[in-house]
């Protein structure tokens, strides 16, 4: 996760852009970018965002 934005709001935007434009799921994104899914979910939950698999985005 060292290559991701450190600010969680910017991270939210970055991840949602990747999910919208490139990846069909959070699992695919995490696998391809070698991201710890639980850590990502935790970081974004700290600022009030949760992942919606049906919509494939954080909100």
PDB file of N, CA and C in Angstrom:
ATOM      1  N   UNK A   1       0.822  -1.195   0.000  1.00  0.00           N
ATOM      2  CA  UNK A   1       0.000   0.000   0.000  1.00  0.00           C
ATOM      3  C   UNK A   1       0.862   1.255   0.000  1.00  0.00           C
ATOM      4  N   UNK A   2       2.156   1.081  -0.084  1.00  0.00           N
ATOM      5  CA  UNK A   2       3.051   2.234  -0.042  1.00  0.00           C
ATOM      6  C   UNK A   2       2.968   3.119  -1.280  1.00  0.00           C
ATOM      7  N   UNK A   3       2.417   2.607  -2.372  1.00  0.00           N
ATOM      8  CA  UNK A   3       2.293   3.394  -3.602  1.00  0.00           C
ATOM      9  C   UNK A   3       0.957   4.120  -3.722  1.00  0.00           C
ATOM     10  N   UNK A   4       0.119   3.990  -2.704  1.00  0.00           N
ATOM     11  CA  UNK A   4      -1.196   4.632  -2.716  1.00  0.00           C
ATOM     12  C   UNK A   4      -1.137   5.993  -2.028  1.00  0.00           C
ATOM     13  N   UNK A   5      -2.078   6.870  -2.346  1.00  0.00           N
ATOM     14  CA  UNK A   5      -2.133   8.173  -1.671  1.00  0.00           C
ATOM     15  C   UNK A   5      -2.237   7.985  -0.152  1.00  0.00           C
ATOM     16  N   UNK A   6      -1.559   8.828   0.595  1.00  0.00           N
ATOM     17  CA  UNK A   6      -1.585   8.719   2.055  1.00  0.00           C
ATOM     18  C   UNK A   6      -2.815   9.389   2.654  1.00  0.00           C
ATOM     19  N   UNK A   7      -3.355  10.380   1.990  1.00  0.00           N
ATOM     20  CA  UNK A   7      -4.573  11.043   2.454  1.00  0.00           C
ATOM     21  C   UNK A   7      -5.769  10.148   2.113  1.00  0.00           C
ATOM     22  N   UNK A   8      -6.583   9.822   3.102  1.00  0.00           N
ATOM     23  CA  UNK A   8      -7.673   8.873   2.885  1.00  0.00           C
ATOM     24  C   UNK A   8      -8.770   9.389   1.965  1.00  0.00           C
ATOM     25  N   UNK A   9      -8.982  10.681   1.910  1.00  0.00           N
ATOM     26  CA  UNK A   9      -9.983  11.237   0.991  1.00  0.00           C
ATOM     27  C   UNK A   9      -9.488  11.126  -0.454  1.00  0.00           C
ATOM     28  N   UNK A  10      -8.222  11.404  -0.669  1.00  0.00           N
ATOM     29  CA  UNK A  10      -7.639  11.247  -2.001  1.00  0.00           C
ATOM     30  C   UNK A  10      -7.592   9.765  -2.370  1.00  0.00           C
ATOM     31  N   UNK A  11      -7.308   8.911  -1.397  1.00  0.00           N
ATOM     32  CA  UNK A  11      -7.322   7.464  -1.626  1.00  0.00           C
ATOM     33  C   UNK A  11      -8.706   7.009  -2.082  1.00  0.00           C
ATOM     34  N   UNK A  12      -9.746   7.510  -1.439  1.00  0.00           N
ATOM     35  CA  UNK A  12     -11.130   7.205  -1.814  1.00  0.00           C
ATOM     36  C   UNK A  12     -11.368   7.527  -3.290  1.00  0.00           C
ATOM     37  N   UNK A  13     -10.979   8.711  -3.702  1.00  0.00           N
ATOM     38  CA  UNK A  13     -11.160   9.128  -5.088  1.00  0.00           C
ATOM     39  C   UNK A  13     -10.338   8.261  -6.048  1.00  0.00           C
ATOM     40  N   UNK A  14      -9.111   8.000  -5.694  1.00  0.00           N
ATOM     41  CA  UNK A  14      -8.212   7.199  -6.517  1.00  0.00           C
ATOM     42  C   UNK A  14      -8.772   5.786  -6.727  1.00  0.00           C
ATOM     43  N   UNK A  15      -9.190   5.149  -5.636  1.00  0.00           N
ATOM     44  CA  UNK A  15      -9.696   3.778  -5.714  1.00  0.00           C
ATOM     45  C   UNK A  15     -10.999   3.727  -6.510  1.00  0.00           C
ATOM     46  N   UNK A  16     -11.904   4.678  -6.271  1.00  0.00           N
ATOM     47  CA  UNK A  16     -13.157   4.674  -7.026  1.00  0.00           C
ATOM     48  C   UNK A  16     -12.926   4.904  -8.511  1.00  0.00           C
ATOM     49  N   UNK A  17     -11.963   5.724  -8.853  1.00  0.00           N
ATOM     50  CA  UNK A  17     -11.637   5.933 -10.266  1.00  0.00           C
ATOM     51  C   UNK A  17     -11.131   4.635 -10.889  1.00  0.00           C
ATOM     52  N   UNK A  18     -10.251   3.949 -10.185  1.00  0.00           N
ATOM     53  CA  UNK A  18      -9.736   2.663 -10.686  1.00  0.00           C
ATOM     54  C   UNK A  18     -10.864   1.643 -10.832  1.00  0.00           C
ATOM     55  N   UNK A  19     -11.765   1.598  -9.836  1.00  0.00           N
ATOM     56  CA  UNK A  19     -12.883   0.653  -9.906  1.00  0.00           C
ATOM     57  C   UNK A  19     -13.810   0.982 -11.070  1.00  0.00           C
ATOM     58  N   UNK A  20     -14.043   2.247 -11.300  1.00  0.00           N
ATOM     59  CA  UNK A  20     -14.932   2.651 -12.393  1.00  0.00           C
ATOM     60  C   UNK A  20     -14.299   2.380 -13.764  1.00  0.00           C
ATOM     61  N   UNK A  21     -13.014   2.699 -13.911  1.00  0.00           N
ATOM     62  CA  UNK A  21     -12.376   2.681 -15.226  1.00  0.00           C
ATOM     63  C   UNK A  21     -11.653   1.386 -15.593  1.00  0.00           C
ATOM     64  N   UNK A  22     -11.228   0.607 -14.586  1.00  0.00           N
ATOM     65  CA  UNK A  22     -10.333  -0.514 -14.888  1.00  0.00           C
ATOM     66  C   UNK A  22     -10.791  -1.849 -14.314  1.00  0.00           C
ATOM     67  N   UNK A  23     -11.223  -1.874 -13.065  1.00  0.00           N
ATOM     68  CA  UNK A  23     -11.418  -3.142 -12.368  1.00  0.00           C
ATOM     69  C   UNK A  23     -12.894  -3.484 -12.155  1.00  0.00           C
ATOM     70  N   UNK A  24     -13.256  -4.748 -12.392  1.00  0.00           N
ATOM     71  CA  UNK A  24     -14.648  -5.167 -12.217  1.00  0.00           C
ATOM     72  C   UNK A  24     -15.042  -5.410 -10.762  1.00  0.00           C
ATOM     73  N   UNK A  25     -14.036  -5.451  -9.858  1.00  0.00           N
ATOM     74  CA  UNK A  25     -14.329  -5.703  -8.445  1.00  0.00           C
ATOM     75  C   UNK A  25     -13.174  -5.216  -7.581  1.00  0.00           C
ATOM     76  N   UNK A  26     -13.461  -5.066  -6.297  1.00  0.00           N
ATOM     77  CA  UNK A  26     -12.414  -4.690  -5.349  1.00  0.00           C
ATOM     78  C   UNK A  26     -11.373  -5.794  -5.235  1.00  0.00           C
ATOM     79  N   UNK A  27     -11.815  -7.036  -5.282  1.00  0.00           N
ATOM     80  CA  UNK A  27     -10.867  -8.155  -5.224  1.00  0.00           C
ATOM     81  C   UNK A  27      -9.882  -8.109  -6.393  1.00  0.00           C
ATOM     82  N   UNK A  28     -10.376  -7.826  -7.590  1.00  0.00           N
ATOM     83  CA  UNK A  28      -9.503  -7.749  -8.767  1.00  0.00           C
ATOM     84  C   UNK A  28      -8.504  -6.609  -8.628  1.00  0.00           C
ATOM     85  N   UNK A  29      -8.963  -5.464  -8.136  1.00  0.00           N
ATOM     86  CA  UNK A  29      -8.069  -4.326  -7.935  1.00  0.00           C
ATOM     87  C   UNK A  29      -6.982  -4.677  -6.933  1.00  0.00           C
ATOM     88  N   UNK A  30      -7.380  -5.220  -5.784  1.00  0.00           N
ATOM     89  CA  UNK A  30      -6.414  -5.546  -4.738  1.00  0.00           C
ATOM     90  C   UNK A  30      -5.400  -6.584  -5.201  1.00  0.00           C
ATOM     91  N   UNK A  31      -5.865  -7.578  -5.934  1.00  0.00           N
ATOM     92  CA  UNK A  31      -4.953  -8.606  -6.430  1.00  0.00           C
ATOM     93  C   UNK A  31      -3.955  -8.023  -7.431  1.00  0.00           C
ATOM     94  N   UNK A  32      -4.454  -7.249  -8.369  1.00  0.00           N
ATOM     95  CA  UNK A  32      -3.587  -6.694  -9.413  1.00  0.00           C
ATOM     96  C   UNK A  32      -2.588  -5.680  -8.866  1.00  0.00           C
ATOM     97  N   UNK A  33      -3.021  -4.852  -7.924  1.00  0.00           N
ATOM     98  CA  UNK A  33      -2.148  -3.803  -7.383  1.00  0.00           C
ATOM     99  C   UNK A  33      -1.418  -4.233  -6.112  1.00  0.00           C
ATOM    100  N   UNK A  34      -1.595  -5.489  -5.712  1.00  0.00           N
ATOM    101  CA  UNK A  34      -0.961  -6.037  -4.509  1.00  0.00           C
ATOM    102  C   UNK A  34      -1.283  -5.191  -3.275  1.00  0.00           C
ATOM    103  N   UNK A  35      -2.584  -4.984  -3.065  1.00  0.00           N
ATOM    104  CA  UNK A  35      -3.077  -4.187  -1.943  1.00  0.00           C
ATOM    105  C   UNK A  35      -3.735  -5.120  -0.941  1.00  0.00           C
ATOM    106  N   UNK A  36      -3.463  -4.895   0.340  1.00  0.00           N
ATOM    107  CA  UNK A  36      -4.126  -5.631   1.403  1.00  0.00           C
ATOM    108  C   UNK A  36      -5.566  -5.120   1.503  1.00  0.00           C
ATOM    109  N   UNK A  37      -6.517  -5.952   1.112  1.00  0.00           N
ATOM    110  CA  UNK A  37      -7.920  -5.538   1.049  1.00  0.00           C
ATOM    111  C   UNK A  37      -8.443  -5.077   2.409  1.00  0.00           C
ATOM    112  N   UNK A  38      -8.128  -5.818   3.454  1.00  0.00           N
ATOM    113  CA  UNK A  38      -8.620  -5.462   4.794  1.00  0.00           C
ATOM    114  C   UNK A  38      -8.056  -4.130   5.257  1.00  0.00           C
ATOM    115  N   UNK A  39      -6.804  -3.871   4.955  1.00  0.00           N
ATOM    116  CA  UNK A  39      -6.194  -2.587   5.320  1.00  0.00           C
ATOM    117  C   UNK A  39      -6.865  -1.446   4.553  1.00  0.00           C
ATOM    118  N   UNK A  40      -7.121  -1.657   3.273  1.00  0.00           N
ATOM    119  CA  UNK A  40      -7.793  -0.648   2.463  1.00  0.00           C
ATOM    120  C   UNK A  40      -9.198  -0.376   3.002  1.00  0.00           C
ATOM    121  N   UNK A  41      -9.950  -1.431   3.281  1.00  0.00           N
ATOM    122  CA  UNK A  41     -11.292  -1.273   3.831  1.00  0.00           C
ATOM    123  C   UNK A  41     -11.254  -0.517   5.158  1.00  0.00           C
ATOM    124  N   UNK A  42     -10.271  -0.826   5.981  1.00  0.00           N
ATOM    125  CA  UNK A  42     -10.130  -0.173   7.278  1.00  0.00           C
ATOM    126  C   UNK A  42      -9.806   1.311   7.139  1.00  0.00           C
ATOM    127  N   UNK A  43      -8.868   1.624   6.252  1.00  0.00           N
ATOM    128  CA  UNK A  43      -8.492   3.037   6.048  1.00  0.00           C
ATOM    129  C   UNK A  43      -9.675   3.860   5.564  1.00  0.00           C
ATOM    130  N   UNK A  44     -10.425   3.326   4.627  1.00  0.00           N
ATOM    131  CA  UNK A  44     -11.557   4.081   4.101  1.00  0.00           C
ATOM    132  C   UNK A  44     -12.728   4.114   5.081  1.00  0.00           C
ATOM    133  N   UNK A  45     -12.885   3.088   5.896  1.00  0.00           N
ATOM    134  CA  UNK A  45     -13.934   3.089   6.920  1.00  0.00           C
ATOM    135  C   UNK A  45     -13.663   4.172   7.970  1.00  0.00           C
ATOM    136  N   UNK A  46     -12.410   4.448   8.244  1.00  0.00           N
ATOM    137  CA  UNK A  46     -12.051   5.479   9.233  1.00  0.00           C
ATOM    138  C   UNK A  46     -12.564   6.857   8.846  1.00  0.00           C
ATOM    139  N   UNK A  47     -12.766   7.084   7.560  1.00  0.00           N
ATOM    140  CA  UNK A  47     -13.278   8.387   7.107  1.00  0.00           C
ATOM    141  C   UNK A  47     -14.714   8.261   6.590  1.00  0.00           C
ATOM    142  N   UNK A  48     -15.369   7.153   6.948  1.00  0.00           N
ATOM    143  CA  UNK A  48     -16.795   7.022   6.695  1.00  0.00           C
ATOM    144  C   UNK A  48     -17.221   6.365   5.402  1.00  0.00           C
ATOM    145  N   UNK A  49     -16.308   5.722   4.686  1.00  0.00           N
ATOM    146  CA  UNK A  49     -16.661   5.092   3.417  1.00  0.00           C
ATOM    147  C   UNK A  49     -16.712   3.576   3.565  1.00  0.00           C
ATOM    148  N   UNK A  50     -17.663   2.960   2.874  1.00  0.00           N
ATOM    149  CA  UNK A  50     -17.724   1.510   2.826  1.00  0.00           C
ATOM    150  C   UNK A  50     -17.892   1.082   1.378  1.00  0.00           C
ATOM    151  N   UNK A  51     -17.467  -0.132   1.101  1.00  0.00           N
ATOM    152  CA  UNK A  51     -17.521  -0.660  -0.261  1.00  0.00           C
ATOM    153  C   UNK A  51     -18.880  -1.279  -0.530  1.00  0.00           C
ATOM    154  N   UNK A  52     -19.443  -0.970  -1.698  1.00  0.00           N
ATOM    155  CA  UNK A  52     -20.680  -1.577  -2.155  1.00  0.00           C
ATOM    156  C   UNK A  52     -20.328  -2.433  -3.379  1.00  0.00           C
ATOM    157  N   UNK A  53     -20.359  -3.746  -3.203  1.00  0.00           N
ATOM    158  CA  UNK A  53     -19.959  -4.653  -4.286  1.00  0.00           C
ATOM    159  C   UNK A  53     -20.910  -4.576  -5.471  1.00  0.00           C
ATOM    160  N   UNK A  54     -22.183  -4.373  -5.212  1.00  0.00           N
ATOM    161  CA  UNK A  54     -23.162  -4.301  -6.293  1.00  0.00           C
ATOM    162  C   UNK A  54     -22.887  -3.121  -7.221  1.00  0.00           C
ATOM    163  N   UNK A  55     -22.495  -1.997  -6.633  1.00  0.00           N
ATOM    164  CA  UNK A  55     -22.181  -0.803  -7.414  1.00  0.00           C
ATOM    165  C   UNK A  55     -20.697  -0.709  -7.777  1.00  0.00           C
ATOM    166  N   UNK A  56     -19.888  -1.572  -7.170  1.00  0.00           N
ATOM    167  CA  UNK A  56     -18.434  -1.587  -7.355  1.00  0.00           C
ATOM    168  C   UNK A  56     -17.815  -0.220  -7.080  1.00  0.00           C
ATOM    169  N   UNK A  57     -18.158   0.324  -5.912  1.00  0.00           N
ATOM    170  CA  UNK A  57     -17.563   1.600  -5.516  1.00  0.00           C
ATOM    171  C   UNK A  57     -17.686   1.790  -4.014  1.00  0.00           C
ATOM    172  N   UNK A  58     -16.844   2.687  -3.514  1.00  0.00           N
ATOM    173  CA  UNK A  58     -16.954   3.111  -2.124  1.00  0.00           C
ATOM    174  C   UNK A  58     -17.888   4.290  -2.075  1.00  0.00           C
ATOM    175  N   UNK A  59     -18.647   4.386  -0.957  1.00  0.00           N
ATOM    176  CA  UNK A  59     -19.522   5.522  -0.748  1.00  0.00           C
ATOM    177  C   UNK A  59     -19.711   5.778   0.707  1.00  0.00           C
TER     178      UNK A  59
END
